[in-house]
Amino acid sequence: MRLTLCDVGPRDGLQNEAETLEPVTRAELVNRLAAAGLPRVEAVSFVRADRVPQMAGAEEVVAGIERRAGTEYSGLVLNEQGYERFRESGLDRVNATLGATEEFNRRNGNASLDEAIARVDRILAAAPEPVTVTLSVAFGCPFEGRVDPGRVAELAARFEGAEVVLADTIGVAVPSEVRTLVQRTGAAGFHGHNTRNTGYANALAAVEAGAAVLDASCGGVGGCPFAPKATGNIATEDLVYMLHGMGIETGIELAALVETAAWLAEALGKELPGQTYKAGTFAPIAA
């Protein structure tokens, strides 16, 4: 079995950090992740710099990427203006994101749920590139509470032609919920946060339910600026350690990923939530 892991560290990982890294440093992170064998890296988001200053200079980041064969480079957009910037950048895959609730869309994208759906529909109609549709707060919303799985299933069905990823944006899901909703929606992927220490179990439940794409963030950095108390994504190197130990292939060089997490901790000037970069690899599953 082989999975596609997408490292969202350069985007979701850094957007919630107090320290804003320069575009050249963010491009180096992208390049280090690609060199470690990540099959997909979410390099930037094309959003307003006044709303998310950590993501300013997306075009500069893209200009600093040293393209590697075998790595797909994606960019996140919320609307058509973001998609136009994405299209001009020449990245490989667009990640069109919307929330599963009314209030989250208003806080995160300044749109109603219906408006957010219409935006994604227009992007899907216009884009010749592969499209991922990420459904944020698919399991719980910081403003509306628990999200009806039926609503998420209806949303996922609307975007049948795209790669649909279910996001546990605030880290409230448990494995049984993830397994059930991935099976019900047929979602291709899962994006988990480890806010309540269920993120890795949730990722494994998603794989058991048929998901072939998992999002994670180098060092476990991350969070959403518009979701109170949202903390980091699951750490890519911790996830890879678990998957490789279970015999699930990723194509990623774990040692290089651990080195990248240590480099990122130094760049941010703090210890990161990930564990494997601090503990080190273990010889029997160090590949």
C-alpha atoms as a PDB file:
ATOM      1  CA  MET A   1       0.000   0.000   0.000  1.00  0.00           C
ATOM      2  CA  ARG A   2       1.274   3.484  -0.867  1.00  0.00           C
ATOM      3  CA  LEU A   3      -0.136   6.796   0.297  1.00  0.00           C
ATOM      4  CA  THR A   4       0.250  10.355  -0.952  1.00  0.00           C
ATOM      5  CA  LEU A   5       1.401  12.584   1.871  1.00  0.00           C
ATOM      6  CA  CYS A   6       1.026  16.325   1.410  1.00  0.00           C
ATOM      7  CA  ASP A   7       3.170  18.490   3.657  1.00  0.00           C
ATOM      8  CA  VAL A   8       1.181  21.637   4.370  1.00  0.00           C
ATOM      9  CA  GLY A   9       3.864  23.118   6.630  1.00  0.00           C
ATOM     10  CA  PRO A  10       4.862  25.972   4.309  1.00  0.00           C
ATOM     11  CA  ARG A  11       1.225  27.091   4.237  1.00  0.00           C
ATOM     12  CA  ASP A  12      -0.941  25.806   7.106  1.00  0.00           C
ATOM     13  CA  GLY A  13       2.092  25.260   9.293  1.00  0.00           C
ATOM     14  CA  LEU A  14       3.429  28.803   9.082  1.00  0.00           C
ATOM     15  CA  GLN A  15       0.208  30.824   8.772  1.00  0.00           C
ATOM     16  CA  ASN A  16      -0.462  30.715  12.513  1.00  0.00           C
ATOM     17  CA  GLU A  17       3.104  31.369  13.703  1.00  0.00           C
ATOM     18  CA  ALA A  18       4.030  34.541  15.574  1.00  0.00           C
ATOM     19  CA  GLU A  19       7.318  34.587  13.663  1.00  0.00           C
ATOM     20  CA  THR A  20       6.869  35.540  10.012  1.00  0.00           C
ATOM     21  CA  LEU A  21       9.478  33.893   7.820  1.00  0.00           C
ATOM     22  CA  GLU A  22      10.775  35.644   4.736  1.00  0.00           C
ATOM     23  CA  PRO A  23       9.725  34.227   1.342  1.00  0.00           C
ATOM     24  CA  VAL A  24      13.261  32.974   0.681  1.00  0.00           C
ATOM     25  CA  THR A  25      13.157  30.916   3.902  1.00  0.00           C
ATOM     26  CA  ARG A  26       9.708  29.574   3.094  1.00  0.00           C
ATOM     27  CA  ALA A  27      10.948  28.562  -0.360  1.00  0.00           C
ATOM     28  CA  GLU A  28      13.869  26.754   1.282  1.00  0.00           C
ATOM     29  CA  LEU A  29      11.401  24.817   3.437  1.00  0.00           C
ATOM     30  CA  VAL A  30       9.506  23.777   0.309  1.00  0.00           C
ATOM     31  CA  ASN A  31      12.764  22.688  -1.327  1.00  0.00           C
ATOM     32  CA  ARG A  32      13.904  20.709   1.708  1.00  0.00           C
ATOM     33  CA  LEU A  33      10.573  18.874   1.876  1.00  0.00           C
ATOM     34  CA  ALA A  34      10.709  18.016  -1.815  1.00  0.00           C
ATOM     35  CA  ALA A  35      14.290  16.776  -1.412  1.00  0.00           C
ATOM     36  CA  ALA A  36      13.092  14.484   1.380  1.00  0.00           C
ATOM     37  CA  GLY A  37      10.753  12.830  -1.109  1.00  0.00           C
ATOM     38  CA  LEU A  38       7.388  14.427  -0.309  1.00  0.00           C
ATOM     39  CA  PRO A  39       5.106  13.586  -3.235  1.00  0.00           C
ATOM     40  CA  ARG A  40       3.119  16.785  -2.639  1.00  0.00           C
ATOM     41  CA  VAL A  41       3.919  20.069  -0.901  1.00  0.00           C
ATOM     42  CA  GLU A  42       1.410  22.850  -0.275  1.00  0.00           C
ATOM     43  CA  ALA A  43       3.791  25.719  -0.891  1.00  0.00           C
ATOM     44  CA  VAL A  44       1.708  28.876  -0.425  1.00  0.00           C
ATOM     45  CA  SER A  45      -1.747  30.349  -0.080  1.00  0.00           C
ATOM     46  CA  PHE A  46      -2.930  33.125  -2.358  1.00  0.00           C
ATOM     47  CA  VAL A  47      -4.763  35.221   0.227  1.00  0.00           C
ATOM     48  CA  ARG A  48      -4.719  38.846   1.332  1.00  0.00           C
ATOM     49  CA  ALA A  49      -1.531  39.813   3.138  1.00  0.00           C
ATOM     50  CA  ASP A  50      -3.443  42.112   5.502  1.00  0.00           C
ATOM     51  CA  ARG A  51      -5.515  39.128   6.641  1.00  0.00           C
ATOM     52  CA  VAL A  52      -2.699  36.577   6.879  1.00  0.00           C
ATOM     53  CA  PRO A  53       0.634  38.459   6.900  1.00  0.00           C
ATOM     54  CA  GLN A  54       2.595  35.224   7.356  1.00  0.00           C
ATOM     55  CA  MET A  55       1.576  34.271   3.816  1.00  0.00           C
ATOM     56  CA  ALA A  56       2.627  37.539   2.147  1.00  0.00           C
ATOM     57  CA  GLY A  57       4.884  37.245  -0.882  1.00  0.00           C
ATOM     58  CA  ALA A  58       3.466  33.991  -2.266  1.00  0.00           C
ATOM     59  CA  GLU A  59       4.805  34.748  -5.733  1.00  0.00           C
ATOM     60  CA  GLU A  60       8.298  35.275  -4.283  1.00  0.00           C
ATOM     61  CA  VAL A  61       8.100  31.895  -2.575  1.00  0.00           C
ATOM     62  CA  VAL A  62       7.103  30.216  -5.832  1.00  0.00           C
ATOM     63  CA  ALA A  63       9.977  31.934  -7.644  1.00  0.00           C
ATOM     64  CA  GLY A  64      12.397  30.413  -5.130  1.00  0.00           C
ATOM     65  CA  ILE A  65      11.180  26.828  -5.581  1.00  0.00           C
ATOM     66  CA  GLU A  66      13.631  24.444  -7.233  1.00  0.00           C
ATOM     67  CA  ARG A  67      11.244  22.091  -8.985  1.00  0.00           C
ATOM     68  CA  ARG A  68      11.933  18.385  -8.477  1.00  0.00           C
ATOM     69  CA  ALA A  69      10.513  15.530 -10.507  1.00  0.00           C
ATOM     70  CA  GLY A  70       8.140  13.449  -8.430  1.00  0.00           C
ATOM     71  CA  THR A  71       6.868  16.335  -6.298  1.00  0.00           C
ATOM     72  CA  GLU A  72       3.566  18.085  -6.977  1.00  0.00           C
ATOM     73  CA  TYR A  73       3.419  21.696  -5.759  1.00  0.00           C
ATOM     74  CA  SER A  74       0.053  23.051  -4.670  1.00  0.00           C
ATOM     75  CA  GLY A  75      -1.373  26.398  -3.609  1.00  0.00           C
ATOM     76  CA  LEU A  76      -4.446  27.215  -1.555  1.00  0.00           C
ATOM     77  CA  VAL A  77      -7.139  29.635  -2.709  1.00  0.00           C
ATOM     78  CA  LEU A  78     -10.423  30.856  -1.246  1.00  0.00           C
ATOM     79  CA  ASN A  79     -11.870  32.679  -4.254  1.00  0.00           C
ATOM     80  CA  GLU A  80     -11.442  33.550  -7.916  1.00  0.00           C
ATOM     81  CA  GLN A  81      -8.936  36.317  -7.190  1.00  0.00           C
ATOM     82  CA  GLY A  82      -6.751  33.801  -5.421  1.00  0.00           C
ATOM     83  CA  TYR A  83      -7.180  31.356  -8.277  1.00  0.00           C
ATOM     84  CA  GLU A  84      -5.992  33.943 -10.807  1.00  0.00           C
ATOM     85  CA  ARG A  85      -2.818  34.424  -8.776  1.00  0.00           C
ATOM     86  CA  PHE A  86      -2.421  30.653  -8.545  1.00  0.00           C
ATOM     87  CA  ARG A  87      -2.865  30.243 -12.305  1.00  0.00           C
ATOM     88  CA  GLU A  88      -0.218  32.845 -13.042  1.00  0.00           C
ATOM     89  CA  SER A  89       2.209  31.198 -10.592  1.00  0.00           C
ATOM     90  CA  GLY A  90       2.466  27.964 -12.566  1.00  0.00           C
ATOM     91  CA  LEU A  91       1.995  25.656  -9.573  1.00  0.00           C
ATOM     92  CA  ASP A  92       0.706  22.157 -10.260  1.00  0.00           C
ATOM     93  CA  ARG A  93      -2.436  21.726  -8.133  1.00  0.00           C
ATOM     94  CA  VAL A  94      -4.981  24.140  -6.700  1.00  0.00           C
ATOM     95  CA  ASN A  95      -6.510  23.568  -3.265  1.00  0.00           C
ATOM     96  CA  ALA A  96      -9.886  25.321  -3.166  1.00  0.00           C
ATOM     97  CA  THR A  97     -11.038  25.518   0.426  1.00  0.00           C
ATOM     98  CA  LEU A  98     -14.354  26.221   2.072  1.00  0.00           C
ATOM     99  CA  GLY A  99     -15.856  25.589   5.479  1.00  0.00           C
ATOM    100  CA  ALA A 100     -18.671  23.191   6.239  1.00  0.00           C
ATOM    101  CA  THR A 101     -20.494  25.827   8.323  1.00  0.00           C
ATOM    102  CA  GLU A 102     -21.974  29.253   7.700  1.00  0.00           C
ATOM    103  CA  GLU A 103     -20.060  31.128  10.377  1.00  0.00           C
ATOM    104  CA  PHE A 104     -16.653  29.625   9.629  1.00  0.00           C
ATOM    105  CA  ASN A 105     -16.958  30.722   6.004  1.00  0.00           C
ATOM    106  CA  ARG A 106     -17.842  34.241   7.090  1.00  0.00           C
ATOM    107  CA  ARG A 107     -14.867  34.443   9.464  1.00  0.00           C
ATOM    108  CA  ASN A 108     -12.329  32.687   7.220  1.00  0.00           C
ATOM    109  CA  GLY A 109     -13.419  33.753   3.729  1.00  0.00           C
ATOM    110  CA  ASN A 110     -15.815  36.683   4.195  1.00  0.00           C
ATOM    111  CA  ALA A 111     -18.579  34.746   2.458  1.00  0.00           C
ATOM    112  CA  SER A 112     -21.726  32.816   3.264  1.00  0.00           C
ATOM    113  CA  LEU A 113     -21.708  29.058   2.833  1.00  0.00           C
ATOM    114  CA  ASP A 114     -23.669  29.364  -0.414  1.00  0.00           C
ATOM    115  CA  GLU A 115     -21.245  32.001  -1.698  1.00  0.00           C
ATOM    116  CA  ALA A 116     -18.260  29.814  -0.776  1.00  0.00           C
ATOM    117  CA  ILE A 117     -19.802  26.853  -2.625  1.00  0.00           C
ATOM    118  CA  ALA A 118     -20.391  29.024  -5.697  1.00  0.00           C
ATOM    119  CA  ARG A 119     -16.774  30.221  -5.600  1.00  0.00           C
ATOM    120  CA  VAL A 120     -15.471  26.667  -5.575  1.00  0.00           C
ATOM    121  CA  ASP A 121     -17.875  25.684  -8.359  1.00  0.00           C
ATOM    122  CA  ARG A 122     -16.516  28.503 -10.538  1.00  0.00           C
ATOM    123  CA  ILE A 123     -12.909  27.544  -9.798  1.00  0.00           C
ATOM    124  CA  LEU A 124     -13.636  23.920 -10.693  1.00  0.00           C
ATOM    125  CA  ALA A 125     -15.234  25.029 -13.958  1.00  0.00           C
ATOM    126  CA  ALA A 126     -12.279  27.243 -14.875  1.00  0.00           C
ATOM    127  CA  ALA A 127      -9.314  25.164 -13.729  1.00  0.00           C
ATOM    128  CA  PRO A 128      -7.477  22.864 -16.137  1.00  0.00           C
ATOM    129  CA  GLU A 129      -5.152  21.935 -13.237  1.00  0.00           C
ATOM    130  CA  PRO A 130      -5.943  19.130 -10.783  1.00  0.00           C
ATOM    131  CA  VAL A 131      -8.182  20.453  -8.003  1.00  0.00           C
ATOM    132  CA  THR A 132      -8.403  19.477  -4.354  1.00  0.00           C
ATOM    133  CA  VAL A 133     -11.486  20.662  -2.477  1.00  0.00           C
ATOM    134  CA  THR A 134     -10.809  20.820   1.259  1.00  0.00           C
ATOM    135  CA  LEU A 135     -13.864  20.913   3.505  1.00  0.00           C
ATOM    136  CA  SER A 136     -12.706  22.735   6.643  1.00  0.00           C
ATOM    137  CA  VAL A 137     -14.320  22.168  10.057  1.00  0.00           C
ATOM    138  CA  ALA A 138     -15.847  18.949   8.738  1.00  0.00           C
ATOM    139  CA  PHE A 139     -16.087  17.446  12.219  1.00  0.00           C
ATOM    140  CA  GLY A 140     -16.516  20.453  14.461  1.00  0.00           C
ATOM    141  CA  CYS A 141     -16.645  24.244  14.185  1.00  0.00           C
ATOM    142  CA  PRO A 142     -15.331  26.740  16.763  1.00  0.00           C
ATOM    143  CA  PHE A 143     -18.411  28.894  16.210  1.00  0.00           C
ATOM    144  CA  GLU A 144     -21.252  26.424  15.563  1.00  0.00           C
ATOM    145  CA  GLY A 145     -20.112  23.343  17.474  1.00  0.00           C
ATOM    146  CA  ARG A 146     -20.580  19.800  16.205  1.00  0.00           C
ATOM    147  CA  VAL A 147     -21.159  19.594  12.445  1.00  0.00           C
ATOM    148  CA  ASP A 148     -23.911  17.381  11.020  1.00  0.00           C
ATOM    149  CA  PRO A 149     -22.223  14.556   9.057  1.00  0.00           C
ATOM    150  CA  GLY A 150     -25.119  14.682   6.604  1.00  0.00           C
ATOM    151  CA  ARG A 151     -24.237  18.268   5.713  1.00  0.00           C
ATOM    152  CA  VAL A 152     -20.621  17.272   5.089  1.00  0.00           C
ATOM    153  CA  ALA A 153     -21.729  14.333   2.939  1.00  0.00           C
ATOM    154  CA  GLU A 154     -23.933  16.646   0.837  1.00  0.00           C
ATOM    155  CA  LEU A 155     -21.058  19.069   0.347  1.00  0.00           C
ATOM    156  CA  ALA A 156     -18.634  16.305  -0.617  1.00  0.00           C
ATOM    157  CA  ALA A 157     -21.118  14.952  -3.154  1.00  0.00           C
ATOM    158  CA  ARG A 158     -21.296  18.374  -4.846  1.00  0.00           C
ATOM    159  CA  PHE A 159     -17.597  18.195  -5.693  1.00  0.00           C
ATOM    160  CA  GLU A 160     -17.535  14.632  -6.967  1.00  0.00           C
ATOM    161  CA  GLY A 161     -15.130  15.440  -9.807  1.00  0.00           C
ATOM    162  CA  ALA A 162     -12.455  16.809  -7.486  1.00  0.00           C
ATOM    163  CA  GLU A 163     -10.190  15.258  -4.876  1.00  0.00           C
ATOM    164  CA  VAL A 164     -12.156  15.902  -1.670  1.00  0.00           C
ATOM    165  CA  VAL A 165     -10.261  16.191   1.624  1.00  0.00           C
ATOM    166  CA  LEU A 166     -12.049  16.298   4.982  1.00  0.00           C
ATOM    167  CA  ALA A 167     -10.370  18.626   7.483  1.00  0.00           C
ATOM    168  CA  ASP A 168     -10.548  18.342  11.252  1.00  0.00           C
ATOM    169  CA  THR A 169      -9.510  21.982  11.498  1.00  0.00           C
ATOM    170  CA  ILE A 170      -9.784  22.349  15.265  1.00  0.00           C
ATOM    171  CA  GLY A 171      -8.799  18.811  16.223  1.00  0.00           C
ATOM    172  CA  VAL A 172     -12.044  17.606  17.795  1.00  0.00           C
ATOM    173  CA  ALA A 173     -12.637  14.365  15.848  1.00  0.00           C
ATOM    174  CA  VAL A 174     -12.075  10.846  17.147  1.00  0.00           C
ATOM    175  CA  PRO A 175     -11.176   7.805  15.024  1.00  0.00           C
ATOM    176  CA  SER A 176     -14.662   6.305  14.842  1.00  0.00           C
ATOM    177  CA  GLU A 177     -16.069   9.572  13.464  1.00  0.00           C
ATOM    178  CA  VAL A 178     -13.292   9.909  10.929  1.00  0.00           C
ATOM    179  CA  ARG A 179     -13.646   6.320   9.751  1.00  0.00           C
ATOM    180  CA  THR A 180     -17.421   6.659   9.372  1.00  0.00           C
ATOM    181  CA  LEU A 181     -17.362  10.008   7.554  1.00  0.00           C
ATOM    182  CA  VAL A 182     -14.570   9.049   5.151  1.00  0.00           C
ATOM    183  CA  GLN A 183     -16.474   5.883   4.268  1.00  0.00           C
ATOM    184  CA  ARG A 184     -19.774   7.751   3.908  1.00  0.00           C
ATOM    185  CA  THR A 185     -18.383  10.508   1.682  1.00  0.00           C
ATOM    186  CA  GLY A 186     -15.800   8.498  -0.229  1.00  0.00           C
ATOM    187  CA  ALA A 187     -13.382  11.340   0.508  1.00  0.00           C
ATOM    188  CA  ALA A 188      -9.930  10.916  -1.014  1.00  0.00           C
ATOM    189  CA  GLY A 189      -8.088  12.482   1.886  1.00  0.00           C
ATOM    190  CA  PHE A 190      -7.923  13.639   5.493  1.00  0.00           C
ATOM    191  CA  HIS A 191      -6.374  16.749   7.036  1.00  0.00           C
ATOM    192  CA  GLY A 192      -5.897  16.350  10.775  1.00  0.00           C
ATOM    193  CA  HIS A 193      -4.832  18.550  13.667  1.00  0.00           C
ATOM    194  CA  ASN A 194      -3.475  17.108  16.877  1.00  0.00           C
ATOM    195  CA  THR A 195      -5.131  19.596  19.225  1.00  0.00           C
ATOM    196  CA  ARG A 196      -6.491  16.889  21.523  1.00  0.00           C
ATOM    197  CA  ASN A 197      -3.875  14.240  20.743  1.00  0.00           C
ATOM    198  CA  THR A 198      -6.146  12.205  18.468  1.00  0.00           C
ATOM    199  CA  GLY A 199      -4.611  13.322  15.175  1.00  0.00           C
ATOM    200  CA  TYR A 200      -2.471  10.274  14.395  1.00  0.00           C
ATOM    201  CA  ALA A 201      -5.186   7.799  15.342  1.00  0.00           C
ATOM    202  CA  ASN A 202      -7.572   9.794  13.157  1.00  0.00           C
ATOM    203  CA  ALA A 203      -5.161   9.673  10.210  1.00  0.00           C
ATOM    204  CA  LEU A 204      -4.865   5.914  10.545  1.00  0.00           C
ATOM    205  CA  ALA A 205      -8.653   5.582  10.746  1.00  0.00           C
ATOM    206  CA  ALA A 206      -8.951   7.608   7.539  1.00  0.00           C
ATOM    207  CA  VAL A 207      -6.528   5.261   5.770  1.00  0.00           C
ATOM    208  CA  GLU A 208      -8.431   2.228   7.025  1.00  0.00           C
ATOM    209  CA  ALA A 209     -11.608   3.810   5.597  1.00  0.00           C
ATOM    210  CA  GLY A 210     -10.035   4.223   2.161  1.00  0.00           C
ATOM    211  CA  ALA A 211      -8.337   7.630   2.177  1.00  0.00           C
ATOM    212  CA  ALA A 212      -5.240   7.722  -0.007  1.00  0.00           C
ATOM    213  CA  VAL A 213      -4.117  11.298   0.757  1.00  0.00           C
ATOM    214  CA  LEU A 214      -3.016  12.573   4.167  1.00  0.00           C
ATOM    215  CA  ASP A 215      -2.064  16.136   5.044  1.00  0.00           C
ATOM    216  CA  ALA A 216       0.567  16.757   7.705  1.00  0.00           C
ATOM    217  CA  SER A 217       3.001  19.507   8.657  1.00  0.00           C
ATOM    218  CA  CYS A 218       6.740  19.287   9.212  1.00  0.00           C
ATOM    219  CA  GLY A 219       7.456  19.552  12.932  1.00  0.00           C
ATOM    220  CA  GLY A 220       3.741  19.635  13.742  1.00  0.00           C
ATOM    221  CA  VAL A 221       3.491  23.408  13.319  1.00  0.00           C
ATOM    222  CA  GLY A 222       0.213  24.957  12.267  1.00  0.00           C
ATOM    223  CA  GLY A 223      -3.235  26.149  13.089  1.00  0.00           C
ATOM    224  CA  CYS A 224      -5.854  28.476  11.676  1.00  0.00           C
ATOM    225  CA  PRO A 225      -5.758  32.216  12.451  1.00  0.00           C
ATOM    226  CA  PHE A 226      -9.561  32.324  12.259  1.00  0.00           C
ATOM    227  CA  ALA A 227     -10.240  29.316  14.495  1.00  0.00           C
ATOM    228  CA  PRO A 228      -9.721  30.113  18.194  1.00  0.00           C
ATOM    229  CA  LYS A 229      -7.446  27.653  20.043  1.00  0.00           C
ATOM    230  CA  ALA A 230      -6.621  25.723  16.866  1.00  0.00           C
ATOM    231  CA  THR A 231      -3.171  24.186  17.222  1.00  0.00           C
ATOM    232  CA  GLY A 232      -0.745  22.372  14.997  1.00  0.00           C
ATOM    233  CA  ASN A 233      -1.251  19.772  12.345  1.00  0.00           C
ATOM    234  CA  ILE A 234      -0.013  16.262  12.883  1.00  0.00           C
ATOM    235  CA  ALA A 235       3.758  16.193  12.355  1.00  0.00           C
ATOM    236  CA  THR A 236       4.788  14.751   9.013  1.00  0.00           C
ATOM    237  CA  GLU A 237       7.847  12.976  10.401  1.00  0.00           C
ATOM    238  CA  ASP A 238       5.828  11.392  13.239  1.00  0.00           C
ATOM    239  CA  LEU A 239       3.213  10.231  10.746  1.00  0.00           C
ATOM    240  CA  VAL A 240       5.875   8.802   8.422  1.00  0.00           C
ATOM    241  CA  TYR A 241       7.516   6.962  11.327  1.00  0.00           C
ATOM    242  CA  MET A 242       4.194   5.310  12.177  1.00  0.00           C
ATOM    243  CA  LEU A 243       3.300   4.454   8.592  1.00  0.00           C
ATOM    244  CA  HIS A 244       6.717   3.038   7.719  1.00  0.00           C
ATOM    245  CA  GLY A 245       6.666   0.950  10.878  1.00  0.00           C
ATOM    246  CA  MET A 246       3.356  -0.502   9.715  1.00  0.00           C
ATOM    247  CA  GLY A 247       4.732  -1.315   6.283  1.00  0.00           C
ATOM    248  CA  ILE A 248       2.807   1.460   4.521  1.00  0.00           C
ATOM    249  CA  GLU A 249       4.967   3.051   1.812  1.00  0.00           C
ATOM    250  CA  THR A 250       5.243   6.809   1.377  1.00  0.00           C
ATOM    251  CA  GLY A 251       8.390   7.262  -0.715  1.00  0.00           C
ATOM    252  CA  ILE A 252       9.708   9.721   1.887  1.00  0.00           C
ATOM    253  CA  GLU A 253      13.185   9.645   3.423  1.00  0.00           C
ATOM    254  CA  LEU A 254      12.470   9.877   7.141  1.00  0.00           C
ATOM    255  CA  ALA A 255      15.993  10.943   8.158  1.00  0.00           C
ATOM    256  CA  ALA A 256      15.906  13.899   5.758  1.00  0.00           C
ATOM    257  CA  LEU A 257      12.476  14.870   7.059  1.00  0.00           C
ATOM    258  CA  VAL A 258      13.743  14.792  10.645  1.00  0.00           C
ATOM    259  CA  GLU A 259      16.634  17.066   9.637  1.00  0.00           C
ATOM    260  CA  THR A 260      14.163  19.459   8.030  1.00  0.00           C
ATOM    261  CA  ALA A 261      12.053  19.623  11.187  1.00  0.00           C
ATOM    262  CA  ALA A 262      15.160  20.439  13.226  1.00  0.00           C
ATOM    263  CA  TRP A 263      16.092  23.148  10.702  1.00  0.00           C
ATOM    264  CA  LEU A 264      12.571  24.616  10.915  1.00  0.00           C
ATOM    265  CA  ALA A 265      12.694  24.666  14.721  1.00  0.00           C
ATOM    266  CA  GLU A 266      15.884  26.718  14.485  1.00  0.00           C
ATOM    267  CA  ALA A 267      14.378  29.047  11.884  1.00  0.00           C
ATOM    268  CA  LEU A 268      11.350  29.683  14.108  1.00  0.00           C
ATOM    269  CA  GLY A 269      13.478  29.900  17.242  1.00  0.00           C
ATOM    270  CA  LYS A 270      11.457  27.445  19.283  1.00  0.00           C
ATOM    271  CA  GLU A 271      10.807  23.774  20.009  1.00  0.00           C
ATOM    272  CA  LEU A 272       8.165  22.307  17.716  1.00  0.00           C
ATOM    273  CA  PRO A 273       5.326  19.952  18.726  1.00  0.00           C
ATOM    274  CA  GLY A 274       6.657  16.988  16.710  1.00  0.00           C
ATOM    275  CA  GLN A 275       8.290  14.159  18.634  1.00  0.00           C
ATOM    276  CA  THR A 276      10.405  12.155  16.198  1.00  0.00           C
ATOM    277  CA  TYR A 277      12.725  15.030  15.299  1.00  0.00           C
ATOM    278  CA  LYS A 278      13.579  15.307  19.018  1.00  0.00           C
ATOM    279  CA  ALA A 279      13.733  11.595  19.843  1.00  0.00           C
ATOM    280  CA  GLY A 280      15.397  10.511  16.618  1.00  0.00           C
ATOM    281  CA  THR A 281      14.641   7.613  14.339  1.00  0.00           C
ATOM    282  CA  PHE A 282      14.867   3.945  15.291  1.00  0.00           C
ATOM    283  CA  ALA A 283      17.104   1.750  13.167  1.00  0.00           C
ATOM    284  CA  PRO A 284      14.578  -0.979  12.215  1.00  0.00           C
ATOM    285  CA  ILE A 285      12.221   1.599  10.687  1.00  0.00           C
ATOM    286  CA  ALA A 286      14.597   4.476   9.980  1.00  0.00           C
ATOM    287  CA  ALA A 287      14.132   4.405   6.188  1.00  0.00           C
END
